Amino acid sequence: MRAALEAMLARRVARRRAAVVAAFAELGVEAVVEGDAVRASGRGIMARWWRDLALREAGRGRR
């Protein structure tokens, strides 16, 4: 029973990470799953940072 629950949870987590990577891809941002984390990188994230004033301000420590 426990093994079945752990397998179900692992599949759910994998689907959620894949959904996050897909959402980043729709925004033009490269993302990969590295262990338990989803890492976003590349030109897409920089381009989004430049286009989005609120995101730039947040990166500067402002709200």
N, C-alpha and C. Protein backbone atom coordinates (compact mmCIF):
# COMPACT_ATOMS: atom_id res chain seq x y z
N MET A 1 0.82 -1.19 0.00
CA MET A 1 0.00 0.00 0.00
C MET A 1 0.87 1.26 0.00
N ARG A 2 1.87 1.29 0.87
CA ARG A 2 2.73 2.47 0.97
C ARG A 2 3.48 2.70 -0.33
N ALA A 3 3.98 1.63 -0.94
CA ALA A 3 4.72 1.76 -2.20
C ALA A 3 3.82 2.32 -3.30
N ALA A 4 2.57 1.90 -3.31
CA ALA A 4 1.63 2.41 -4.32
C ALA A 4 1.38 3.90 -4.11
N LEU A 5 1.23 4.32 -2.87
CA LEU A 5 1.02 5.75 -2.57
C LEU A 5 2.25 6.57 -2.95
N GLU A 6 3.44 6.05 -2.64
CA GLU A 6 4.66 6.77 -3.00
C GLU A 6 4.80 6.89 -4.51
N ALA A 7 4.45 5.84 -5.24
CA ALA A 7 4.52 5.88 -6.71
C ALA A 7 3.52 6.89 -7.26
N MET A 8 2.31 6.92 -6.70
CA MET A 8 1.29 7.87 -7.13
C MET A 8 1.76 9.31 -6.88
N LEU A 9 2.34 9.54 -5.71
CA LEU A 9 2.84 10.87 -5.38
C LEU A 9 3.98 11.28 -6.31
N ALA A 10 4.87 10.34 -6.61
CA ALA A 10 5.99 10.63 -7.52
C ALA A 10 5.48 11.00 -8.91
N ARG A 11 4.45 10.30 -9.39
CA ARG A 11 3.88 10.63 -10.70
C ARG A 11 3.24 12.02 -10.68
N ARG A 12 2.55 12.34 -9.60
CA ARG A 12 1.90 13.65 -9.48
C ARG A 12 2.94 14.77 -9.47
N VAL A 13 4.02 14.57 -8.73
CA VAL A 13 5.09 15.57 -8.66
C VAL A 13 5.73 15.74 -10.03
N ALA A 14 5.97 14.64 -10.73
CA ALA A 14 6.57 14.71 -12.06
C ALA A 14 5.67 15.47 -13.03
N ARG A 15 4.35 15.21 -12.97
CA ARG A 15 3.41 15.93 -13.83
C ARG A 15 3.41 17.42 -13.51
N ARG A 16 3.47 17.77 -12.24
CA ARG A 16 3.47 19.18 -11.85
C ARG A 16 4.73 19.87 -12.36
N ARG A 17 5.88 19.24 -12.20
CA ARG A 17 7.13 19.82 -12.71
C ARG A 17 7.09 19.97 -14.22
N ALA A 18 6.55 18.97 -14.91
CA ALA A 18 6.43 19.05 -16.36
C ALA A 18 5.51 20.20 -16.77
N ALA A 19 4.45 20.42 -16.00
CA ALA A 19 3.54 21.53 -16.29
C ALA A 19 4.23 22.87 -16.10
N VAL A 20 5.09 22.98 -15.09
CA VAL A 20 5.84 24.23 -14.87
C VAL A 20 6.79 24.47 -16.03
N VAL A 21 7.50 23.44 -16.47
CA VAL A 21 8.42 23.57 -17.60
C VAL A 21 7.64 23.98 -18.86
N ALA A 22 6.47 23.39 -19.07
CA ALA A 22 5.65 23.73 -20.23
C ALA A 22 5.18 25.19 -20.16
N ALA A 23 4.79 25.64 -18.97
CA ALA A 23 4.36 27.04 -18.81
C ALA A 23 5.50 27.99 -19.12
N PHE A 24 6.70 27.67 -18.66
CA PHE A 24 7.86 28.50 -18.99
C PHE A 24 8.09 28.51 -20.50
N ALA A 25 7.97 27.35 -21.13
CA ALA A 25 8.18 27.25 -22.58
C ALA A 25 7.20 28.15 -23.33
N GLU A 26 5.96 28.21 -22.88
CA GLU A 26 4.97 29.08 -23.52
C GLU A 26 5.37 30.55 -23.43
N LEU A 27 6.12 30.89 -22.39
CA LEU A 27 6.59 32.26 -22.22
C LEU A 27 7.90 32.51 -22.94
N GLY A 28 8.45 31.47 -23.56
CA GLY A 28 9.71 31.61 -24.27
C GLY A 28 10.93 31.51 -23.37
N VAL A 29 10.75 30.90 -22.22
CA VAL A 29 11.84 30.76 -21.25
C VAL A 29 12.27 29.31 -21.19
N GLU A 30 13.58 29.09 -21.30
CA GLU A 30 14.11 27.73 -21.16
C GLU A 30 14.00 27.30 -19.71
N ALA A 31 13.54 26.09 -19.48
CA ALA A 31 13.46 25.56 -18.12
C ALA A 31 13.74 24.06 -18.17
N VAL A 32 14.39 23.58 -17.14
CA VAL A 32 14.69 22.15 -17.03
C VAL A 32 14.45 21.71 -15.59
N VAL A 33 14.15 20.44 -15.43
CA VAL A 33 14.01 19.87 -14.10
C VAL A 33 15.38 19.37 -13.68
N GLU A 34 15.84 19.85 -12.54
CA GLU A 34 17.12 19.40 -11.96
C GLU A 34 16.84 18.90 -10.56
N GLY A 35 16.74 17.61 -10.43
CA GLY A 35 16.42 17.03 -9.12
C GLY A 35 15.02 17.42 -8.71
N ASP A 36 14.90 18.11 -7.58
CA ASP A 36 13.59 18.55 -7.10
C ASP A 36 13.22 19.94 -7.57
N ALA A 37 14.09 20.60 -8.30
CA ALA A 37 13.87 21.99 -8.70
C ALA A 37 13.62 22.11 -10.20
N VAL A 38 12.90 23.16 -10.55
CA VAL A 38 12.76 23.55 -11.95
C VAL A 38 13.60 24.81 -12.11
N ARG A 39 14.58 24.76 -12.98
CA ARG A 39 15.47 25.90 -13.19
C ARG A 39 15.15 26.57 -14.51
N ALA A 40 14.91 27.87 -14.43
CA ALA A 40 14.65 28.67 -15.62
C ALA A 40 15.91 29.45 -15.96
N SER A 41 16.21 29.52 -17.25
CA SER A 41 17.41 30.24 -17.65
C SER A 41 17.29 30.64 -19.11
N GLY A 42 18.29 31.32 -19.57
CA GLY A 42 18.36 31.64 -20.98
C GLY A 42 17.88 33.03 -21.32
N ARG A 43 17.89 33.28 -22.62
CA ARG A 43 17.53 34.60 -23.12
C ARG A 43 16.07 34.94 -22.84
N GLY A 44 15.21 33.94 -22.85
CA GLY A 44 13.79 34.20 -22.64
C GLY A 44 13.49 34.85 -21.31
N ILE A 45 14.17 34.39 -20.28
CA ILE A 45 13.91 34.99 -18.97
C ILE A 45 14.45 36.41 -18.90
N MET A 46 15.58 36.66 -19.54
CA MET A 46 16.12 38.02 -19.57
C MET A 46 15.21 38.94 -20.37
N ALA A 47 14.70 38.46 -21.50
CA ALA A 47 13.79 39.27 -22.31
C ALA A 47 12.53 39.60 -21.53
N ARG A 48 12.00 38.62 -20.82
CA ARG A 48 10.80 38.89 -20.01
C ARG A 48 11.12 39.90 -18.92
N TRP A 49 12.29 39.80 -18.32
CA TRP A 49 12.68 40.74 -17.27
C TRP A 49 12.69 42.16 -17.83
N TRP A 50 13.22 42.34 -19.03
CA TRP A 50 13.27 43.67 -19.64
C TRP A 50 11.89 44.19 -20.01
N ARG A 51 10.97 43.31 -20.41
CA ARG A 51 9.63 43.74 -20.82
C ARG A 51 8.72 44.06 -19.65
N ASP A 52 8.96 43.47 -18.51
CA ASP A 52 8.03 43.56 -17.39
C ASP A 52 8.61 44.46 -16.29
N LEU A 53 8.11 45.69 -16.21
CA LEU A 53 8.61 46.65 -15.23
C LEU A 53 8.47 46.13 -13.80
N ALA A 54 7.34 45.53 -13.47
CA ALA A 54 7.14 45.03 -12.11
C ALA A 54 8.17 43.96 -11.76
N LEU A 55 8.49 43.12 -12.72
CA LEU A 55 9.50 42.08 -12.50
C LEU A 55 10.87 42.71 -12.29
N ARG A 56 11.19 43.73 -13.08
CA ARG A 56 12.49 44.40 -12.89
C ARG A 56 12.56 45.05 -11.52
N GLU A 57 11.50 45.72 -11.12
CA GLU A 57 11.49 46.37 -9.81
C GLU A 57 11.61 45.34 -8.68
N ALA A 58 10.94 44.20 -8.83
CA ALA A 58 11.06 43.17 -7.82
C ALA A 58 12.49 42.66 -7.72
N GLY A 59 13.15 42.58 -8.87
CA GLY A 59 14.54 42.14 -8.88
C GLY A 59 15.48 43.12 -8.21
N ARG A 60 15.03 44.35 -8.11
CA ARG A 60 15.84 45.37 -7.45
C ARG A 60 15.51 45.49 -5.97
N GLY A 61 14.63 44.63 -5.49
CA GLY A 61 14.29 44.65 -4.07
C GLY A 61 13.14 45.58 -3.74
N ARG A 62 12.47 46.12 -4.77
CA ARG A 62 11.30 46.97 -4.54
C ARG A 62 10.05 46.17 -4.77
N ARG A 63 8.93 46.71 -4.29
CA ARG A 63 7.64 46.02 -4.49
C ARG A 63 6.92 46.54 -5.65
